Amino acid sequence: MHIENHPVLGKQLQDPVTIYFNNKPYKAYKQQTVAAALIANGEKKFGLSRKLIQSRGLFCSRGRCCSCYMTVDGEDHVRTCMKRVEEGMEIYPSFEDPEVRRDGDGD
């Protein structure tokens, strides 16, 4: 579901791009967030909760919760409700905690 011609804002979503969710191509628009683009393409499951092992998806859609965290272009724990799509973006669901990267300091 896309609002292409808004009654107040006018014509929207004019710059189509291709994004990849789990290596599957989807049509999106540059003005959309990653979460909005996935939902518009029928994807609702963004990962699993750690404690209850239940599906996670879009919840607050304003960057305050952690339900929409996903891996985007190799970066773990990205708030997809705040990140805008880009051509060729690769997105993967979060099924576990992000990998902690250390260089040996702070042990």
PDB file of N, CA and C in Angstrom:
ATOM      1  N   MET A   1       0.834  -1.172   0.000  1.00  0.00           N
ATOM      2  CA  MET A   1       0.000   0.000   0.000  1.00  0.00           C
ATOM      3  C   MET A   1       0.885   1.244   0.000  1.00  0.00           C
ATOM      4  N   HIS A   2       0.768   2.046  -1.006  1.00  0.00           N
ATOM      5  CA  HIS A   2       1.519   3.292  -1.115  1.00  0.00           C
ATOM      6  C   HIS A   2       0.554   4.439  -1.355  1.00  0.00           C
ATOM      7  N   ILE A   3       0.765   5.566  -0.703  1.00  0.00           N
ATOM      8  CA  ILE A   3      -0.006   6.772  -1.005  1.00  0.00           C
ATOM      9  C   ILE A   3       0.803   7.539  -2.040  1.00  0.00           C
ATOM     10  N   GLU A   4       0.399   7.439  -3.281  1.00  0.00           N
ATOM     11  CA  GLU A   4       1.162   8.066  -4.355  1.00  0.00           C
ATOM     12  C   GLU A   4       0.738   9.502  -4.623  1.00  0.00           C
ATOM     13  N   ASN A   5      -0.541   9.812  -4.401  1.00  0.00           N
ATOM     14  CA  ASN A   5      -1.021  11.171  -4.627  1.00  0.00           C
ATOM     15  C   ASN A   5      -1.796  11.617  -3.393  1.00  0.00           C
ATOM     16  N   HIS A   6      -1.132  12.304  -2.495  1.00  0.00           N
ATOM     17  CA  HIS A   6      -1.719  12.743  -1.235  1.00  0.00           C
ATOM     18  C   HIS A   6      -2.598  13.971  -1.478  1.00  0.00           C
ATOM     19  N   PRO A   7      -3.784  14.043  -0.859  1.00  0.00           N
ATOM     20  CA  PRO A   7      -4.683  15.171  -1.111  1.00  0.00           C
ATOM     21  C   PRO A   7      -4.132  16.526  -0.659  1.00  0.00           C
ATOM     22  N   VAL A   8      -3.236  16.556   0.316  1.00  0.00           N
ATOM     23  CA  VAL A   8      -2.670  17.811   0.799  1.00  0.00           C
ATOM     24  C   VAL A   8      -1.231  18.006   0.304  1.00  0.00           C
ATOM     25  N   LEU A   9      -0.418  16.969   0.398  1.00  0.00           N
ATOM     26  CA  LEU A   9       0.998  17.065   0.042  1.00  0.00           C
ATOM     27  C   LEU A   9       1.260  16.924  -1.451  1.00  0.00           C
ATOM     28  N   GLY A  10       0.285  16.450  -2.208  1.00  0.00           N
ATOM     29  CA  GLY A  10       0.444  16.299  -3.650  1.00  0.00           C
ATOM     30  C   GLY A  10       1.069  14.971  -4.032  1.00  0.00           C
ATOM     31  N   LYS A  11       1.670  14.957  -5.215  1.00  0.00           N
ATOM     32  CA  LYS A  11       2.246  13.727  -5.749  1.00  0.00           C
ATOM     33  C   LYS A  11       3.476  13.328  -4.934  1.00  0.00           C
ATOM     34  N   GLN A  12       3.448  12.107  -4.461  1.00  0.00           N
ATOM     35  CA  GLN A  12       4.519  11.572  -3.628  1.00  0.00           C
ATOM     36  C   GLN A  12       5.117  10.340  -4.294  1.00  0.00           C
ATOM     37  N   LEU A  13       6.188   9.833  -3.713  1.00  0.00           N
ATOM     38  CA  LEU A  13       6.806   8.568  -4.116  1.00  0.00           C
ATOM     39  C   LEU A  13       7.094   8.516  -5.613  1.00  0.00           C
ATOM     40  N   GLN A  14       7.977   9.383  -6.050  1.00  0.00           N
ATOM     41  CA  GLN A  14       8.282   9.488  -7.471  1.00  0.00           C
ATOM     42  C   GLN A  14       9.608   8.851  -7.867  1.00  0.00           C
ATOM     43  N   ASP A  15      10.448   8.515  -6.916  1.00  0.00           N
ATOM     44  CA  ASP A  15      11.778   7.975  -7.214  1.00  0.00           C
ATOM     45  C   ASP A  15      11.872   6.513  -6.786  1.00  0.00           C
ATOM     46  N   PRO A  16      11.501   5.564  -7.655  1.00  0.00           N
ATOM     47  CA  PRO A  16      11.549   4.147  -7.265  1.00  0.00           C
ATOM     48  C   PRO A  16      12.986   3.622  -7.181  1.00  0.00           C
ATOM     49  N   VAL A  17      13.196   2.719  -6.232  1.00  0.00           N
ATOM     50  CA  VAL A  17      14.481   2.037  -6.062  1.00  0.00           C
ATOM     51  C   VAL A  17      14.189   0.570  -5.791  1.00  0.00           C
ATOM     52  N   THR A  18      15.209  -0.250  -5.882  1.00  0.00           N
ATOM     53  CA  THR A  18      15.084  -1.666  -5.542  1.00  0.00           C
ATOM     54  C   THR A  18      15.871  -1.930  -4.275  1.00  0.00           C
ATOM     55  N   ILE A  19      15.207  -2.550  -3.294  1.00  0.00           N
ATOM     56  CA  ILE A  19      15.875  -2.960  -2.068  1.00  0.00           C
ATOM     57  C   ILE A  19      15.763  -4.484  -1.973  1.00  0.00           C
ATOM     58  N   TYR A  20      16.603  -5.088  -1.134  1.00  0.00           N
ATOM     59  CA  TYR A  20      16.621  -6.539  -0.998  1.00  0.00           C
ATOM     60  C   TYR A  20      16.403  -6.917   0.460  1.00  0.00           C
ATOM     61  N   PHE A  21      15.348  -7.682   0.713  1.00  0.00           N
ATOM     62  CA  PHE A  21      15.066  -8.191   2.050  1.00  0.00           C
ATOM     63  C   PHE A  21      15.223  -9.700   1.994  1.00  0.00           C
ATOM     64  N   ASN A  22      16.179 -10.217   2.763  1.00  0.00           N
ATOM     65  CA  ASN A  22      16.522 -11.645   2.703  1.00  0.00           C
ATOM     66  C   ASN A  22      16.823 -12.063   1.270  1.00  0.00           C
ATOM     67  N   ASN A  23      17.546 -11.241   0.556  1.00  0.00           N
ATOM     68  CA  ASN A  23      17.984 -11.458  -0.828  1.00  0.00           C
ATOM     69  C   ASN A  23      16.843 -11.461  -1.843  1.00  0.00           C
ATOM     70  N   LYS A  24      15.660 -11.054  -1.445  1.00  0.00           N
ATOM     71  CA  LYS A  24      14.514 -10.977  -2.348  1.00  0.00           C
ATOM     72  C   LYS A  24      14.285  -9.513  -2.723  1.00  0.00           C
ATOM     73  N   PRO A  25      14.193  -9.190  -4.017  1.00  0.00           N
ATOM     74  CA  PRO A  25      14.035  -7.780  -4.419  1.00  0.00           C
ATOM     75  C   PRO A  25      12.621  -7.252  -4.168  1.00  0.00           C
ATOM     76  N   TYR A  26      12.572  -6.011  -3.725  1.00  0.00           N
ATOM     77  CA  TYR A  26      11.307  -5.311  -3.499  1.00  0.00           C
ATOM     78  C   TYR A  26      11.389  -3.907  -4.081  1.00  0.00           C
ATOM     79  N   LYS A  27      10.248  -3.406  -4.535  1.00  0.00           N
ATOM     80  CA  LYS A  27      10.172  -2.030  -5.018  1.00  0.00           C
ATOM     81  C   LYS A  27       9.914  -1.109  -3.830  1.00  0.00           C
ATOM     82  N   ALA A  28      10.649  -0.018  -3.763  1.00  0.00           N
ATOM     83  CA  ALA A  28      10.479   0.980  -2.718  1.00  0.00           C
ATOM     84  C   ALA A  28      10.685   2.359  -3.347  1.00  0.00           C
ATOM     85  N   TYR A  29      10.559   3.384  -2.539  1.00  0.00           N
ATOM     86  CA  TYR A  29      10.750   4.754  -3.006  1.00  0.00           C
ATOM     87  C   TYR A  29      11.705   5.475  -2.072  1.00  0.00           C
ATOM     88  N   LYS A  30      12.540   6.348  -2.630  1.00  0.00           N
ATOM     89  CA  LYS A  30      13.567   7.035  -1.858  1.00  0.00           C
ATOM     90  C   LYS A  30      13.017   7.787  -0.648  1.00  0.00           C
ATOM     91  N   GLN A  31      11.798   8.252  -0.718  1.00  0.00           N
ATOM     92  CA  GLN A  31      11.232   9.020   0.379  1.00  0.00           C
ATOM     93  C   GLN A  31      10.792   8.146   1.558  1.00  0.00           C
ATOM     94  N   GLN A  32      10.736   6.832   1.379  1.00  0.00           N
ATOM     95  CA  GLN A  32      10.253   5.926   2.419  1.00  0.00           C
ATOM     96  C   GLN A  32      11.349   5.503   3.387  1.00  0.00           C
ATOM     97  N   THR A  33      10.907   5.152   4.579  1.00  0.00           N
ATOM     98  CA  THR A  33      11.827   4.503   5.506  1.00  0.00           C
ATOM     99  C   THR A  33      11.880   3.016   5.140  1.00  0.00           C
ATOM    100  N   VAL A  34      12.889   2.343   5.634  1.00  0.00           N
ATOM    101  CA  VAL A  34      13.034   0.911   5.369  1.00  0.00           C
ATOM    102  C   VAL A  34      11.808   0.160   5.892  1.00  0.00           C
ATOM    103  N   ALA A  35      11.383   0.476   7.107  1.00  0.00           N
ATOM    104  CA  ALA A  35      10.229  -0.205   7.698  1.00  0.00           C
ATOM    105  C   ALA A  35       8.965   0.024   6.874  1.00  0.00           C
ATOM    106  N   ALA A  36       8.725   1.248   6.446  1.00  0.00           N
ATOM    107  CA  ALA A  36       7.528   1.552   5.653  1.00  0.00           C
ATOM    108  C   ALA A  36       7.558   0.823   4.318  1.00  0.00           C
ATOM    109  N   ALA A  37       8.722   0.751   3.695  1.00  0.00           N
ATOM    110  CA  ALA A  37       8.847   0.068   2.408  1.00  0.00           C
ATOM    111  C   ALA A  37       8.575  -1.427   2.551  1.00  0.00           C
ATOM    112  N   LEU A  38       9.090  -2.029   3.627  1.00  0.00           N
ATOM    113  CA  LEU A  38       8.857  -3.461   3.835  1.00  0.00           C
ATOM    114  C   LEU A  38       7.385  -3.744   4.114  1.00  0.00           C
ATOM    115  N   ILE A  39       6.757  -2.928   4.934  1.00  0.00           N
ATOM    116  CA  ILE A  39       5.339  -3.126   5.230  1.00  0.00           C
ATOM    117  C   ILE A  39       4.501  -2.928   3.973  1.00  0.00           C
ATOM    118  N   ALA A  40       4.843  -1.942   3.146  1.00  0.00           N
ATOM    119  CA  ALA A  40       4.110  -1.718   1.899  1.00  0.00           C
ATOM    120  C   ALA A  40       4.225  -2.910   0.950  1.00  0.00           C
ATOM    121  N   ASN A  41       5.296  -3.695   1.119  1.00  0.00           N
ATOM    122  CA  ASN A  41       5.496  -4.884   0.297  1.00  0.00           C
ATOM    123  C   ASN A  41       5.021  -6.162   0.986  1.00  0.00           C
ATOM    124  N   GLY A  42       4.293  -6.021   2.086  1.00  0.00           N
ATOM    125  CA  GLY A  42       3.701  -7.178   2.749  1.00  0.00           C
ATOM    126  C   GLY A  42       4.552  -7.863   3.801  1.00  0.00           C
ATOM    127  N   GLU A  43       5.739  -7.337   4.088  1.00  0.00           N
ATOM    128  CA  GLU A  43       6.607  -7.935   5.116  1.00  0.00           C
ATOM    129  C   GLU A  43       6.301  -7.297   6.468  1.00  0.00           C
ATOM    130  N   LYS A  44       5.964  -8.121   7.445  1.00  0.00           N
ATOM    131  CA  LYS A  44       5.622  -7.609   8.771  1.00  0.00           C
ATOM    132  C   LYS A  44       6.565  -8.103   9.864  1.00  0.00           C
ATOM    133  N   LYS A  45       7.269  -9.196   9.613  1.00  0.00           N
ATOM    134  CA  LYS A  45       8.154  -9.777  10.617  1.00  0.00           C
ATOM    135  C   LYS A  45       9.575  -9.272  10.405  1.00  0.00           C
ATOM    136  N   PHE A  46      10.062  -8.472  11.349  1.00  0.00           N
ATOM    137  CA  PHE A  46      11.393  -7.879  11.247  1.00  0.00           C
ATOM    138  C   PHE A  46      12.436  -8.623  12.068  1.00  0.00           C
ATOM    139  N   GLY A  47      12.003  -9.547  12.906  1.00  0.00           N
ATOM    140  CA  GLY A  47      12.928 -10.299  13.740  1.00  0.00           C
ATOM    141  C   GLY A  47      12.185 -10.999  14.852  1.00  0.00           C
ATOM    142  N   LEU A  48      12.945 -11.413  15.879  1.00  0.00           N
ATOM    143  CA  LEU A  48      12.374 -12.107  17.036  1.00  0.00           C
ATOM    144  C   LEU A  48      12.799 -11.409  18.318  1.00  0.00           C
ATOM    145  N   SER A  49      11.910 -11.398  19.309  1.00  0.00           N
ATOM    146  CA  SER A  49      12.268 -10.845  20.612  1.00  0.00           C
ATOM    147  C   SER A  49      13.211 -11.812  21.319  1.00  0.00           C
ATOM    148  N   ARG A  50      14.123 -11.270  22.113  1.00  0.00           N
ATOM    149  CA  ARG A  50      15.097 -12.112  22.807  1.00  0.00           C
ATOM    150  C   ARG A  50      14.463 -12.962  23.885  1.00  0.00           C
ATOM    151  N   LYS A  51      13.616 -12.361  24.686  1.00  0.00           N
ATOM    152  CA  LYS A  51      13.090 -13.052  25.865  1.00  0.00           C
ATOM    153  C   LYS A  51      11.987 -14.048  25.521  1.00  0.00           C
ATOM    154  N   LEU A  52      10.996 -13.615  24.783  1.00  0.00           N
ATOM    155  CA  LEU A  52       9.827 -14.455  24.521  1.00  0.00           C
ATOM    156  C   LEU A  52       9.879 -15.185  23.178  1.00  0.00           C
ATOM    157  N   ILE A  53      10.882 -14.902  22.374  1.00  0.00           N
ATOM    158  CA  ILE A  53      11.038 -15.508  21.048  1.00  0.00           C
ATOM    159  C   ILE A  53       9.735 -15.346  20.242  1.00  0.00           C
ATOM    160  N   GLN A  54       9.233 -14.114  20.225  1.00  0.00           N
ATOM    161  CA  GLN A  54       8.042 -13.783  19.449  1.00  0.00           C
ATOM    162  C   GLN A  54       8.409 -12.812  18.335  1.00  0.00           C
ATOM    163  N   SER A  55       7.596 -12.788  17.310  1.00  0.00           N
ATOM    164  CA  SER A  55       7.857 -11.912  16.164  1.00  0.00           C
ATOM    165  C   SER A  55       7.885 -10.449  16.576  1.00  0.00           C
ATOM    166  N   ARG A  56       8.795  -9.713  15.936  1.00  0.00           N
ATOM    167  CA  ARG A  56       8.883  -8.277  16.112  1.00  0.00           C
ATOM    168  C   ARG A  56       8.597  -7.615  14.784  1.00  0.00           C
ATOM    169  N   GLY A  57       8.057  -6.402  14.849  1.00  0.00           N
ATOM    170  CA  GLY A  57       7.767  -5.631  13.649  1.00  0.00           C
ATOM    171  C   GLY A  57       7.755  -4.160  13.990  1.00  0.00           C
ATOM    172  N   LEU A  58       7.071  -3.376  13.195  1.00  0.00           N
ATOM    173  CA  LEU A  58       6.987  -1.940  13.441  1.00  0.00           C
ATOM    174  C   LEU A  58       6.040  -1.690  14.610  1.00  0.00           C
ATOM    175  N   PHE A  59       6.479  -0.922  15.597  1.00  0.00           N
ATOM    176  CA  PHE A  59       5.638  -0.650  16.759  1.00  0.00           C
ATOM    177  C   PHE A  59       5.396   0.850  16.914  1.00  0.00           C
ATOM    178  N   CYS A  60       6.401   1.615  17.281  1.00  0.00           N
ATOM    179  CA  CYS A  60       6.176   3.039  17.537  1.00  0.00           C
ATOM    180  C   CYS A  60       6.366   3.890  16.281  1.00  0.00           C
ATOM    181  N   SER A  61       7.167   3.442  15.362  1.00  0.00           N
ATOM    182  CA  SER A  61       7.514   4.119  14.101  1.00  0.00           C
ATOM    183  C   SER A  61       8.063   5.526  14.282  1.00  0.00           C
ATOM    184  N   ARG A  62       8.737   5.759  15.402  1.00  0.00           N
ATOM    185  CA  ARG A  62       9.392   7.051  15.612  1.00  0.00           C
ATOM    186  C   ARG A  62      10.733   6.944  16.335  1.00  0.00           C
ATOM    187  N   GLY A  63      11.301   5.737  16.340  1.00  0.00           N
ATOM    188  CA  GLY A  63      12.645   5.563  16.859  1.00  0.00           C
ATOM    189  C   GLY A  63      12.776   5.435  18.355  1.00  0.00           C
ATOM    190  N   ARG A  64      11.689   5.220  19.088  1.00  0.00           N
ATOM    191  CA  ARG A  64      11.746   5.167  20.539  1.00  0.00           C
ATOM    192  C   ARG A  64      11.812   3.747  21.110  1.00  0.00           C
ATOM    193  N   CYS A  65      11.339   2.777  20.362  1.00  0.00           N
ATOM    194  CA  CYS A  65      11.374   1.403  20.862  1.00  0.00           C
ATOM    195  C   CYS A  65      12.469   0.639  20.106  1.00  0.00           C
ATOM    196  N   CYS A  66      12.534  -0.645  20.263  1.00  0.00           N
ATOM    197  CA  CYS A  66      13.566  -1.426  19.572  1.00  0.00           C
ATOM    198  C   CYS A  66      12.959  -2.525  18.705  1.00  0.00           C
ATOM    199  N   SER A  67      11.682  -2.423  18.401  1.00  0.00           N
ATOM    200  CA  SER A  67      11.006  -3.486  17.652  1.00  0.00           C
ATOM    201  C   SER A  67      11.432  -3.580  16.198  1.00  0.00           C
ATOM    202  N   CYS A  68      11.863  -2.488  15.606  1.00  0.00           N
ATOM    203  CA  CYS A  68      12.172  -2.505  14.174  1.00  0.00           C
ATOM    204  C   CYS A  68      13.663  -2.663  13.876  1.00  0.00           C
ATOM    205  N   TYR A  69      14.484  -2.980  14.875  1.00  0.00           N
ATOM    206  CA  TYR A  69      15.915  -3.155  14.639  1.00  0.00           C
ATOM    207  C   TYR A  69      16.150  -4.279  13.628  1.00  0.00           C
ATOM    208  N   MET A  70      16.987  -3.995  12.628  1.00  0.00           N
ATOM    209  CA  MET A  70      17.354  -4.996  11.638  1.00  0.00           C
ATOM    210  C   MET A  70      18.801  -4.755  11.226  1.00  0.00           C
ATOM    211  N   THR A  71      19.334  -5.654  10.418  1.00  0.00           N
ATOM    212  CA  THR A  71      20.671  -5.478   9.852  1.00  0.00           C
ATOM    213  C   THR A  71      20.510  -4.870   8.468  1.00  0.00           C
ATOM    214  N   VAL A  72      21.119  -3.700   8.263  1.00  0.00           N
ATOM    215  CA  VAL A  72      21.004  -2.975   7.001  1.00  0.00           C
ATOM    216  C   VAL A  72      22.404  -2.737   6.446  1.00  0.00           C
ATOM    217  N   ASP A  73      22.648  -3.241   5.257  1.00  0.00           N
ATOM    218  CA  ASP A  73      23.954  -3.109   4.596  1.00  0.00           C
ATOM    219  C   ASP A  73      25.106  -3.504   5.519  1.00  0.00           C
ATOM    220  N   GLY A  74      24.928  -4.602   6.260  1.00  0.00           N
ATOM    221  CA  GLY A  74      25.986  -5.125   7.122  1.00  0.00           C
ATOM    222  C   GLY A  74      26.065  -4.487   8.490  1.00  0.00           C
ATOM    223  N   GLU A  75      25.280  -3.469   8.766  1.00  0.00           N
ATOM    224  CA  GLU A  75      25.298  -2.806  10.067  1.00  0.00           C
ATOM    225  C   GLU A  75      24.171  -3.370  10.937  1.00  0.00           C
ATOM    226  N   ASP A  76      24.543  -3.919  12.096  1.00  0.00           N
ATOM    227  CA  ASP A  76      23.559  -4.500  13.012  1.00  0.00           C
ATOM    228  C   ASP A  76      22.810  -3.417  13.774  1.00  0.00           C
ATOM    229  N   HIS A  77      21.617  -3.758  14.201  1.00  0.00           N
ATOM    230  CA  HIS A  77      20.825  -2.938  15.119  1.00  0.00           C
ATOM    231  C   HIS A  77      20.475  -1.559  14.555  1.00  0.00           C
ATOM    232  N   VAL A  78      20.001  -1.502  13.335  1.00  0.00           N
ATOM    233  CA  VAL A  78      19.591  -0.249  12.700  1.00  0.00           C
ATOM    234  C   VAL A  78      18.096  -0.053  12.941  1.00  0.00           C
ATOM    235  N   ARG A  79      17.716   1.136  13.387  1.00  0.00           N
ATOM    236  CA  ARG A  79      16.293   1.455  13.559  1.00  0.00           C
ATOM    237  C   ARG A  79      15.703   1.722  12.179  1.00  0.00           C
ATOM    238  N   THR A  80      15.016   0.739  11.644  1.00  0.00           N
ATOM    239  CA  THR A  80      14.526   0.843  10.267  1.00  0.00           C
ATOM    240  C   THR A  80      13.373   1.823  10.106  1.00  0.00           C
ATOM    241  N   CYS A  81      12.763   2.235  11.197  1.00  0.00           N
ATOM    242  CA  CYS A  81      11.703   3.240  11.095  1.00  0.00           C
ATOM    243  C   CYS A  81      12.279   4.632  10.884  1.00  0.00           C
ATOM    244  N   MET A  82      13.590   4.785  11.087  1.00  0.00           N
ATOM    245  CA  MET A  82      14.242   6.089  10.937  1.00  0.00           C
ATOM    246  C   MET A  82      15.193   6.140   9.740  1.00  0.00           C
ATOM    247  N   LYS A  83      15.519   5.014   9.170  1.00  0.00           N
ATOM    248  CA  LYS A  83      16.484   4.932   8.062  1.00  0.00           C
ATOM    249  C   LYS A  83      15.751   4.949   6.725  1.00  0.00           C
ATOM    250  N   ARG A  84      16.131   5.853   5.833  1.00  0.00           N
ATOM    251  CA  ARG A  84      15.516   5.937   4.502  1.00  0.00           C
ATOM    252  C   ARG A  84      16.165   4.929   3.560  1.00  0.00           C
ATOM    253  N   VAL A  85      15.359   4.420   2.624  1.00  0.00           N
ATOM    254  CA  VAL A  85      15.868   3.424   1.682  1.00  0.00           C
ATOM    255  C   VAL A  85      16.828   4.057   0.678  1.00  0.00           C
ATOM    256  N   GLU A  86      17.726   3.235   0.184  1.00  0.00           N
ATOM    257  CA  GLU A  86      18.671   3.622  -0.863  1.00  0.00           C
ATOM    258  C   GLU A  86      18.732   2.492  -1.882  1.00  0.00           C
ATOM    259  N   GLU A  87      19.090   2.804  -3.083  1.00  0.00           N
ATOM    260  CA  GLU A  87      19.175   1.806  -4.159  1.00  0.00           C
ATOM    261  C   GLU A  87      20.110   0.673  -3.762  1.00  0.00           C
ATOM    262  N   GLY A  88      19.632  -0.562  -3.928  1.00  0.00           N
ATOM    263  CA  GLY A  88      20.449  -1.744  -3.684  1.00  0.00           C
ATOM    264  C   GLY A  88      20.651  -2.108  -2.231  1.00  0.00           C
ATOM    265  N   MET A  89      19.958  -1.462  -1.327  1.00  0.00           N
ATOM    266  CA  MET A  89      20.112  -1.705   0.099  1.00  0.00           C
ATOM    267  C   MET A  89      19.785  -3.169   0.428  1.00  0.00           C
ATOM    268  N   GLU A  90      20.626  -3.790   1.251  1.00  0.00           N
ATOM    269  CA  GLU A  90      20.418  -5.176   1.671  1.00  0.00           C
ATOM    270  C   GLU A  90      19.987  -5.193   3.128  1.00  0.00           C
ATOM    271  N   ILE A  91      18.822  -5.811   3.386  1.00  0.00           N
ATOM    272  CA  ILE A  91      18.208  -5.793   4.705  1.00  0.00           C
ATOM    273  C   ILE A  91      17.962  -7.232   5.155  1.00  0.00           C
ATOM    274  N   TYR A  92      18.295  -7.502   6.425  1.00  0.00           N
ATOM    275  CA  TYR A  92      18.082  -8.825   6.998  1.00  0.00           C
ATOM    276  C   TYR A  92      17.436  -8.680   8.369  1.00  0.00           C
ATOM    277  N   PRO A  93      16.529  -9.601   8.732  1.00  0.00           N
ATOM    278  CA  PRO A  93      15.888  -9.532  10.042  1.00  0.00           C
ATOM    279  C   PRO A  93      16.878  -9.810  11.166  1.00  0.00           C
ATOM    280  N   SER A  94      16.531  -9.356  12.370  1.00  0.00           N
ATOM    281  CA  SER A  94      17.362  -9.582  13.552  1.00  0.00           C
ATOM    282  C   SER A  94      16.781 -10.726  14.365  1.00  0.00           C
ATOM    283  N   PHE A  95      17.469 -11.856  14.331  1.00  0.00           N
ATOM    284  CA  PHE A  95      17.010 -13.014  15.081  1.00  0.00           C
ATOM    285  C   PHE A  95      17.821 -13.231  16.357  1.00  0.00           C
ATOM    286  N   GLU A  96      18.841 -12.392  16.580  1.00  0.00           N
ATOM    287  CA  GLU A  96      19.651 -12.522  17.785  1.00  0.00           C
ATOM    288  C   GLU A  96      20.289 -11.173  18.087  1.00  0.00           C
ATOM    289  N   ASP A  97      20.991 -11.090  19.197  1.00  0.00           N
ATOM    290  CA  ASP A  97      21.675  -9.855  19.574  1.00  0.00           C
ATOM    291  C   ASP A  97      22.753  -9.515  18.552  1.00  0.00           C
ATOM    292  N   PRO A  98      23.062  -8.224  18.390  1.00  0.00           N
ATOM    293  CA  PRO A  98      24.121  -7.860  17.444  1.00  0.00           C
ATOM    294  C   PRO A  98      25.477  -8.345  17.930  1.00  0.00           C
ATOM    295  N   GLU A  99      26.362  -8.594  16.994  1.00  0.00           N
ATOM    296  CA  GLU A  99      27.719  -9.018  17.331  1.00  0.00           C
ATOM    297  C   GLU A  99      28.473  -7.831  17.913  1.00  0.00           C
ATOM    298  N   VAL A 100      29.109  -8.045  19.055  1.00  0.00           N
ATOM    299  CA  VAL A 100      29.862  -6.973  19.696  1.00  0.00           C
ATOM    300  C   VAL A 100      31.275  -6.987  19.127  1.00  0.00           C
ATOM    301  N   ARG A 101      31.681  -5.848  18.602  1.00  0.00           N
ATOM    302  CA  ARG A 101      33.017  -5.748  18.006  1.00  0.00           C
ATOM    303  C   ARG A 101      33.962  -5.063  18.990  1.00  0.00           C
ATOM    304  N   ARG A 102      35.070  -5.710  19.303  1.00  0.00           N
ATOM    305  CA  ARG A 102      36.054  -5.140  20.215  1.00  0.00           C
ATOM    306  C   ARG A 102      37.434  -5.249  19.598  1.00  0.00           C
ATOM    307  N   ASP A 103      38.266  -4.326  19.987  1.00  0.00           N
ATOM    308  CA  ASP A 103      39.647  -4.390  19.527  1.00  0.00           C
ATOM    309  C   ASP A 103      40.584  -4.812  20.645  1.00  0.00           C
ATOM    310  N   GLY A 104      40.028  -5.303  21.751  1.00  0.00           N
ATOM    311  CA  GLY A 104      40.873  -5.776  22.863  1.00  0.00           C
ATOM    312  C   GLY A 104      40.939  -4.794  24.009  1.00  0.00           C
ATOM    313  N   ASP A 105      40.526  -3.554  23.806  1.00  0.00           N
ATOM    314  CA  ASP A 105      40.545  -2.567  24.888  1.00  0.00           C
ATOM    315  C   ASP A 105      39.329  -2.745  25.783  1.00  0.00           C
ATOM    316  N   GLY A 106      39.470  -2.424  27.032  1.00  0.00           N
ATOM    317  CA  GLY A 106      38.363  -2.458  27.964  1.00  0.00           C
ATOM    318  C   GLY A 106      38.075  -3.810  28.569  1.00  0.00           C
ATOM    319  N   ASP A 107      38.958  -4.774  28.389  1.00  0.00           N
ATOM    320  CA  ASP A 107      38.729  -6.106  28.976  1.00  0.00           C
ATOM    321  C   ASP A 107      39.059  -6.120  30.437  1.00  0.00           C
TER     322      ASP A 107
END
